[in-house]
Amino acid sequence: MPPGTIRVSILIDAGPESVFAYVSDLTRHGEWSADPLKIAAIAPGPVAVGSRYRSAAGSHGVDFHTDLTVTVFEPPVRFAFRGEDATAKFLHTFTFEPSQGGTLVRRQIQFQANLLQWLTHLLVVYPVRIPSARRTLQLLKEQIELHPRLGENRDTQ
């Protein structure tokens, strides 16, 4: 099956360095997720390609547990991580571009699914995931704009 893709974007009134630092801290994704989410590092240390995390997420009464791996870490322009759960293998890629005095954040979610998973995505996941992806970026924007120093608490080196 060909990969499926969801793309969303939002303009945030903060600099790319700050937005990148906040987004690249996977342990804080629960602060701006549209659904309940907890992510913990498997091993301590700064974020880097190969850093591993374990997530527990819930969506519409279904719980998902996923191991995540950082695949791209290019401050302050690109960050990506991959994982696999019961719905599919997926890759989340974030890009950060200076725009209008803030940062244009683009999020792309790609997933590779078998036939049954594809049918589930078409019938259930797409109608749920696209609005959820938009809401998640809106929550990210609200968090950063309400608390502009969020990204300053991280060392992204």
Protein backbone atom coordinates (compact mmCIF):
# COMPACT_ATOMS: atom_id res chain seq x y z
CA MET A 1 0.00 0.00 0.00
CA PRO A 2 1.27 3.53 -0.68
CA PRO A 3 1.98 5.70 2.35
CA GLY A 4 -0.81 7.96 3.58
CA THR A 5 -0.06 11.55 4.49
CA ILE A 6 -1.66 14.21 6.67
CA ARG A 7 -0.32 17.77 6.40
CA VAL A 8 -1.18 20.70 8.66
CA SER A 9 0.48 24.05 9.37
CA ILE A 10 0.15 27.07 11.64
CA LEU A 11 1.84 30.43 12.19
CA ILE A 12 3.13 30.92 15.75
CA ASP A 13 4.14 34.28 17.17
CA ALA A 14 7.58 33.16 18.42
CA GLY A 15 11.01 32.60 16.92
CA PRO A 16 11.99 29.31 15.24
CA GLU A 17 14.62 28.51 17.89
CA SER A 18 12.08 28.64 20.71
CA VAL A 19 9.38 26.75 18.80
CA PHE A 20 11.88 24.09 17.67
CA ALA A 21 13.17 23.60 21.22
CA TYR A 22 9.67 23.08 22.58
CA VAL A 23 8.51 20.73 19.81
CA SER A 24 11.71 18.66 19.83
CA ASP A 25 11.17 17.87 23.53
CA LEU A 26 8.94 14.84 23.02
CA THR A 27 8.33 14.58 26.78
CA ARG A 28 6.33 17.83 26.54
CA HIS A 29 4.06 16.84 23.63
CA GLY A 30 1.32 15.95 26.11
CA GLU A 31 1.12 19.66 27.02
CA TRP A 32 -0.27 20.44 23.57
CA SER A 33 -1.75 17.18 22.35
CA ALA A 34 -5.43 17.15 21.37
CA ASP A 35 -5.71 13.72 23.05
CA PRO A 36 -4.27 12.39 26.33
CA LEU A 37 -0.58 11.69 25.79
CA LYS A 38 2.44 10.89 27.96
CA ILE A 39 5.94 10.43 26.55
CA ALA A 40 9.02 9.47 28.54
CA ALA A 41 12.64 9.16 27.46
CA ILE A 42 13.94 5.58 27.52
CA ALA A 43 17.44 6.84 28.38
CA PRO A 44 18.47 10.24 29.79
CA GLY A 45 20.36 12.77 27.71
CA PRO A 46 19.89 15.55 25.21
CA VAL A 47 17.70 15.04 22.15
CA ALA A 48 19.62 13.66 19.16
CA VAL A 49 19.05 11.42 16.18
CA GLY A 50 18.52 7.97 17.65
CA SER A 51 17.04 9.18 20.97
CA ARG A 52 14.29 6.79 22.03
CA TYR A 53 11.04 7.38 23.88
CA ARG A 54 7.99 5.43 25.00
CA SER A 55 4.52 6.94 24.61
CA ALA A 56 1.10 6.16 26.01
CA ALA A 57 -1.77 7.82 24.17
CA GLY A 58 -5.52 7.62 24.19
CA SER A 59 -7.98 8.49 21.47
CA HIS A 60 -11.73 7.95 21.58
CA GLY A 61 -11.45 5.31 24.30
CA VAL A 62 -8.59 3.37 22.68
CA ASP A 63 -5.12 3.25 24.30
CA PHE A 64 -1.92 3.06 22.26
CA HIS A 65 1.60 2.32 23.52
CA THR A 66 4.39 3.14 21.12
CA ASP A 67 8.18 3.26 21.07
CA LEU A 68 9.40 6.40 19.27
CA THR A 69 12.80 7.16 17.74
CA VAL A 70 14.10 10.58 16.70
CA THR A 71 15.12 10.40 13.03
CA VAL A 72 15.92 14.05 12.23
CA PHE A 73 17.27 16.72 14.59
CA GLU A 74 18.32 19.88 12.71
CA PRO A 75 17.86 22.91 15.00
CA PRO A 76 16.00 25.13 14.34
CA VAL A 77 14.61 23.97 10.98
CA ARG A 78 13.55 20.30 11.08
CA PHE A 79 12.63 17.60 13.57
CA ALA A 80 11.19 14.13 12.96
CA PHE A 81 10.44 10.94 14.80
CA ARG A 82 9.05 7.53 13.87
CA GLY A 83 7.07 4.84 15.60
CA GLU A 84 4.67 1.99 15.09
CA ASP A 85 1.42 1.08 16.82
CA ALA A 86 -1.67 -1.00 16.02
CA THR A 87 -2.80 1.50 13.38
CA ALA A 88 0.37 1.74 11.26
CA LYS A 89 4.05 2.61 11.05
CA PHE A 90 4.31 6.38 11.07
CA LEU A 91 6.73 9.26 10.67
CA HIS A 92 6.04 12.73 12.10
CA THR A 93 8.08 15.53 10.50
CA PHE A 94 8.02 19.14 11.71
CA THR A 95 9.60 22.04 9.81
CA PHE A 96 10.08 25.54 11.19
CA GLU A 97 10.34 28.54 8.90
CA PRO A 98 10.63 32.22 9.85
CA SER A 99 7.50 33.97 8.61
CA GLN A 100 5.76 37.28 9.33
CA GLY A 101 7.85 37.88 12.46
CA GLY A 102 7.05 34.42 13.84
CA THR A 103 7.42 30.80 12.81
CA LEU A 104 5.47 28.83 10.26
CA VAL A 105 5.25 25.29 11.64
CA ARG A 106 4.47 22.55 9.16
CA ARG A 107 3.66 19.07 10.40
CA GLN A 108 3.51 16.06 8.13
CA ILE A 109 2.34 12.68 9.36
CA GLN A 110 3.11 9.81 7.02
CA PHE A 111 1.94 6.30 7.70
CA GLN A 112 2.56 2.94 6.10
CA ALA A 113 -0.29 0.49 6.64
CA ASN A 114 -1.40 -2.95 5.55
CA LEU A 115 -4.75 -3.34 3.73
CA LEU A 116 -6.86 -3.68 6.88
CA GLN A 117 -5.11 -0.71 8.50
CA TRP A 118 -5.63 1.32 5.29
CA LEU A 119 -9.37 0.63 5.35
CA THR A 120 -9.45 1.65 9.01
CA HIS A 121 -7.60 4.87 8.14
CA LEU A 122 -9.99 5.70 5.33
CA LEU A 123 -13.13 5.01 7.34
CA VAL A 124 -12.14 6.08 10.83
CA VAL A 125 -8.67 7.50 11.27
CA TYR A 126 -8.63 10.20 8.57
CA PRO A 127 -11.92 11.74 9.73
CA VAL A 128 -10.53 11.79 13.29
CA ARG A 129 -6.80 12.42 12.71
CA ILE A 130 -7.03 15.44 10.41
CA PRO A 131 -9.15 17.54 12.81
CA SER A 132 -7.01 16.26 15.70
CA ALA A 133 -3.79 17.26 13.90
CA ARG A 134 -5.19 20.75 13.30
CA ARG A 135 -6.34 21.06 16.92
CA THR A 136 -2.95 19.87 18.18
CA LEU A 137 -1.11 22.62 16.27
CA GLN A 138 -3.63 25.17 17.56
CA LEU A 139 -2.89 24.00 21.11
CA LEU A 140 0.86 24.24 20.40
CA LYS A 141 0.36 27.82 19.23
CA GLU A 142 -1.66 28.70 22.34
CA GLN A 143 0.92 27.15 24.69
CA ILE A 144 3.85 28.97 23.12
CA GLU A 145 2.09 32.30 22.76
CA LEU A 146 0.78 32.16 26.36
CA HIS A 147 4.17 31.06 27.72
CA PRO A 148 6.80 32.52 25.36
CA ARG A 149 9.74 31.15 27.36
CA LEU A 150 8.72 27.47 27.01
CA GLY A 151 11.42 26.71 24.44
CA GLU A 152 14.13 28.50 26.41
CA ASN A 153 14.21 25.81 29.09
CA ARG A 154 15.74 23.20 26.78
CA ASP A 155 19.23 22.60 25.55
CA THR A 156 18.89 21.63 21.90
CA GLN A 157 22.57 20.98 21.31
